[in-house]
C-alpha atoms as a PDB file:
ATOM      1  CA  MET A   1       0.000   0.000   0.000  1.00  0.00           C
ATOM      2  CA  LYS A   2       1.317   3.416  -0.949  1.00  0.00           C
ATOM      3  CA  LYS A   3       1.940   5.809   1.922  1.00  0.00           C
ATOM      4  CA  LYS A   4      -0.001   9.075   1.776  1.00  0.00           C
ATOM      5  CA  THR A   5       2.092  12.204   1.676  1.00  0.00           C
ATOM      6  CA  ALA A   6       1.524  15.344   3.695  1.00  0.00           C
ATOM      7  CA  ALA A   7      -1.649  17.379   3.314  1.00  0.00           C
ATOM      8  CA  VAL A   8      -0.584  18.690  -0.082  1.00  0.00           C
ATOM      9  CA  ALA A   9      -3.156  17.959  -2.765  1.00  0.00           C
ATOM     10  CA  LYS A  10      -2.091  15.919  -5.752  1.00  0.00           C
ATOM     11  CA  GLY A  11      -3.018  18.342  -8.515  1.00  0.00           C
ATOM     12  CA  ILE A  12      -0.439  21.102  -8.403  1.00  0.00           C
ATOM     13  CA  ASN A  13       2.575  18.889  -7.725  1.00  0.00           C
ATOM     14  CA  VAL A  14       1.858  16.611 -10.692  1.00  0.00           C
ATOM     15  CA  PHE A  15       1.065  19.612 -12.882  1.00  0.00           C
ATOM     16  CA  LEU A  16       4.368  21.302 -11.972  1.00  0.00           C
ATOM     17  CA  ARG A  17       6.382  18.115 -12.511  1.00  0.00           C
ATOM     18  CA  ASN A  18       4.804  17.591 -15.949  1.00  0.00           C
ATOM     19  CA  ALA A  19       5.364  21.253 -16.862  1.00  0.00           C
ATOM     20  CA  ARG A  20       9.037  21.012 -15.878  1.00  0.00           C
ATOM     21  CA  VAL A  21       9.531  17.895 -17.975  1.00  0.00           C
ATOM     22  CA  GLU A  22       7.716  19.468 -20.938  1.00  0.00           C
ATOM     23  CA  ALA A  23       9.978  22.517 -20.585  1.00  0.00           C
ATOM     24  CA  GLY A  24      12.984  20.202 -20.879  1.00  0.00           C
ATOM     25  CA  LEU A  25      14.352  21.162 -17.471  1.00  0.00           C
ATOM     26  CA  SER A  26      15.804  19.025 -14.726  1.00  0.00           C
ATOM     27  CA  GLN A  27      15.100  19.651 -11.057  1.00  0.00           C
ATOM     28  CA  SER A  28      18.660  20.949 -10.806  1.00  0.00           C
ATOM     29  CA  ASP A  29      18.031  23.385 -13.666  1.00  0.00           C
ATOM     30  CA  VAL A  30      14.942  24.705 -11.891  1.00  0.00           C
ATOM     31  CA  SER A  31      16.664  25.071  -8.540  1.00  0.00           C
ATOM     32  CA  GLU A  32      19.492  26.978 -10.225  1.00  0.00           C
ATOM     33  CA  HIS A  33      17.029  29.337 -11.975  1.00  0.00           C
ATOM     34  CA  LEU A  34      15.248  29.917  -8.660  1.00  0.00           C
ATOM     35  CA  GLY A  35      18.492  30.570  -6.790  1.00  0.00           C
ATOM     36  CA  LEU A  36      18.210  27.517  -4.540  1.00  0.00           C
ATOM     37  CA  SER A  37      21.261  25.713  -3.247  1.00  0.00           C
ATOM     38  CA  SER A  38      19.762  22.265  -3.849  1.00  0.00           C
ATOM     39  CA  SER A  39      17.084  20.601  -5.953  1.00  0.00           C
ATOM     40  CA  GLN A  40      15.607  18.885  -2.876  1.00  0.00           C
ATOM     41  CA  TYR A  41      12.887  21.536  -2.444  1.00  0.00           C
ATOM     42  CA  ILE A  42      11.771  21.064  -6.077  1.00  0.00           C
ATOM     43  CA  SER A  43      11.732  17.309  -5.552  1.00  0.00           C
ATOM     44  CA  ASN A  44       9.640  17.681  -2.392  1.00  0.00           C
ATOM     45  CA  ILE A  45       7.142  19.926  -4.190  1.00  0.00           C
ATOM     46  CA  GLU A  46       6.815  17.522  -7.106  1.00  0.00           C
ATOM     47  CA  ARG A  47       6.337  14.516  -4.808  1.00  0.00           C
ATOM     48  CA  GLY A  48       3.655  16.336  -2.847  1.00  0.00           C
ATOM     49  CA  LEU A  49       5.666  16.445   0.369  1.00  0.00           C
ATOM     50  CA  CYS A  50       5.376  20.202   0.687  1.00  0.00           C
ATOM     51  CA  PRO A  51       3.555  22.977  -1.142  1.00  0.00           C
ATOM     52  CA  PRO A  52       5.518  25.598  -3.048  1.00  0.00           C
ATOM     53  CA  SER A  53       5.694  29.022  -1.459  1.00  0.00           C
ATOM     54  CA  VAL A  54       3.795  31.729  -3.332  1.00  0.00           C
ATOM     55  CA  GLU A  55       7.102  33.253  -4.425  1.00  0.00           C
ATOM     56  CA  THR A  56       8.388  29.918  -5.723  1.00  0.00           C
ATOM     57  CA  LEU A  57       5.106  29.145  -7.461  1.00  0.00           C
ATOM     58  CA  VAL A  58       5.164  32.496  -9.270  1.00  0.00           C
ATOM     59  CA  LYS A  59       8.762  31.909 -10.383  1.00  0.00           C
ATOM     60  CA  MET A  60       7.989  28.362 -11.546  1.00  0.00           C
ATOM     61  CA  THR A  61       4.912  29.586 -13.433  1.00  0.00           C
ATOM     62  CA  LYS A  62       7.050  32.135 -15.277  1.00  0.00           C
ATOM     63  CA  LEU A  63       9.944  29.725 -15.865  1.00  0.00           C
ATOM     64  CA  TYR A  64       7.658  27.046 -17.311  1.00  0.00           C
ATOM     65  CA  ARG A  65       5.608  29.672 -19.195  1.00  0.00           C
ATOM     66  CA  LEU A  66       2.375  28.422 -17.672  1.00  0.00           C
ATOM     67  CA  PRO A  67      -0.935  30.240 -17.918  1.00  0.00           C
ATOM     68  CA  GLN A  68      -1.540  31.885 -14.543  1.00  0.00           C
ATOM     69  CA  LYS A  69      -5.257  31.182 -14.719  1.00  0.00           C
ATOM     70  CA  LYS A  70      -4.603  27.431 -15.093  1.00  0.00           C
ATOM     71  CA  VAL A  71      -2.287  27.409 -12.060  1.00  0.00           C
ATOM     72  CA  VAL A  72      -4.824  29.307  -9.944  1.00  0.00           C
ATOM     73  CA  THR A  73      -7.619  26.961 -11.040  1.00  0.00           C
ATOM     74  CA  ILE A  74      -5.594  23.909 -10.009  1.00  0.00           C
ATOM     75  CA  LEU A  75      -4.736  25.485  -6.652  1.00  0.00           C
ATOM     76  CA  VAL A  76      -8.378  26.346  -5.951  1.00  0.00           C
ATOM     77  CA  THR A  77      -9.489  22.837  -6.917  1.00  0.00           C
ATOM     78  CA  ASP A  78      -6.812  21.317  -4.667  1.00  0.00           C
ATOM     79  CA  PHE A  79      -7.871  23.561  -1.793  1.00  0.00           C
ATOM     80  CA  GLU A  80     -11.544  22.675  -2.236  1.00  0.00           C
ATOM     81  CA  LYS A  81     -10.724  18.947  -2.199  1.00  0.00           C
ATOM     82  CA  SER A  82      -8.620  19.408   0.904  1.00  0.00           C
ATOM     83  CA  LEU A  83     -11.392  21.309   2.686  1.00  0.00           C
ATOM     84  CA  LYS A  84     -14.038  18.765   1.729  1.00  0.00           C
ATOM     85  CA  GLY A  85     -11.808  16.058   3.140  1.00  0.00           C
ATOM     86  CA  LYS A  86     -11.605  17.939   6.421  1.00  0.00           C
ATOM     87  CA  PHE A  87     -15.291  18.886   6.726  1.00  0.00           C
ATOM     88  CA  VAL A  88     -17.126  15.993   5.104  1.00  0.00           C
ATOM     89  CA  GLY A  89     -16.921  12.890   7.216  1.00  0.00           C
ATOM     90  CA  GLY A  90     -14.551  14.476   9.719  1.00  0.00           C
ATOM     91  CA  PRO A  91     -15.121  14.254  13.471  1.00  0.00           C
ATOM     92  CA  SER A  92     -17.162  17.448  13.638  1.00  0.00           C
ATOM     93  CA  ALA A  93     -19.432  16.285  10.800  1.00  0.00           C
ATOM     94  CA  THR A  94     -20.620  13.282  12.824  1.00  0.00           C
ATOM     95  CA  LYS A  95     -21.361  15.183  16.047  1.00  0.00           C
ATOM     96  CA  SER A  96     -24.844  16.552  16.435  1.00  0.00           C
ATOM     97  CA  ARG A  97     -25.223  20.230  17.115  1.00  0.00           C
ATOM     98  CA  LYS A  98     -26.663  21.234  20.428  1.00  0.00           C
ATOM     99  CA  ASN A  99     -28.411  24.600  20.497  1.00  0.00           C
END
């Protein structure tokens, strides 16, 4: 069974990984363009272990020449899925309200 990663949704990380590959860049290339000392952060983003910071996401969007609207749409969709996972079926959803 595959271990779930942190609370990062699966949309943006896969999208960014695919965009990097389509741009013909390695993780090392990206980290160099972003001024990072290592490609580990890019790897963690792409594997869904951590979300990109807003600054990093903007730089990656520009580097990969991605449509900003598409990136925002994926982020919003990811966030909605994450929220639904927290609210629907979560502990507070099963408790009855007492007024």
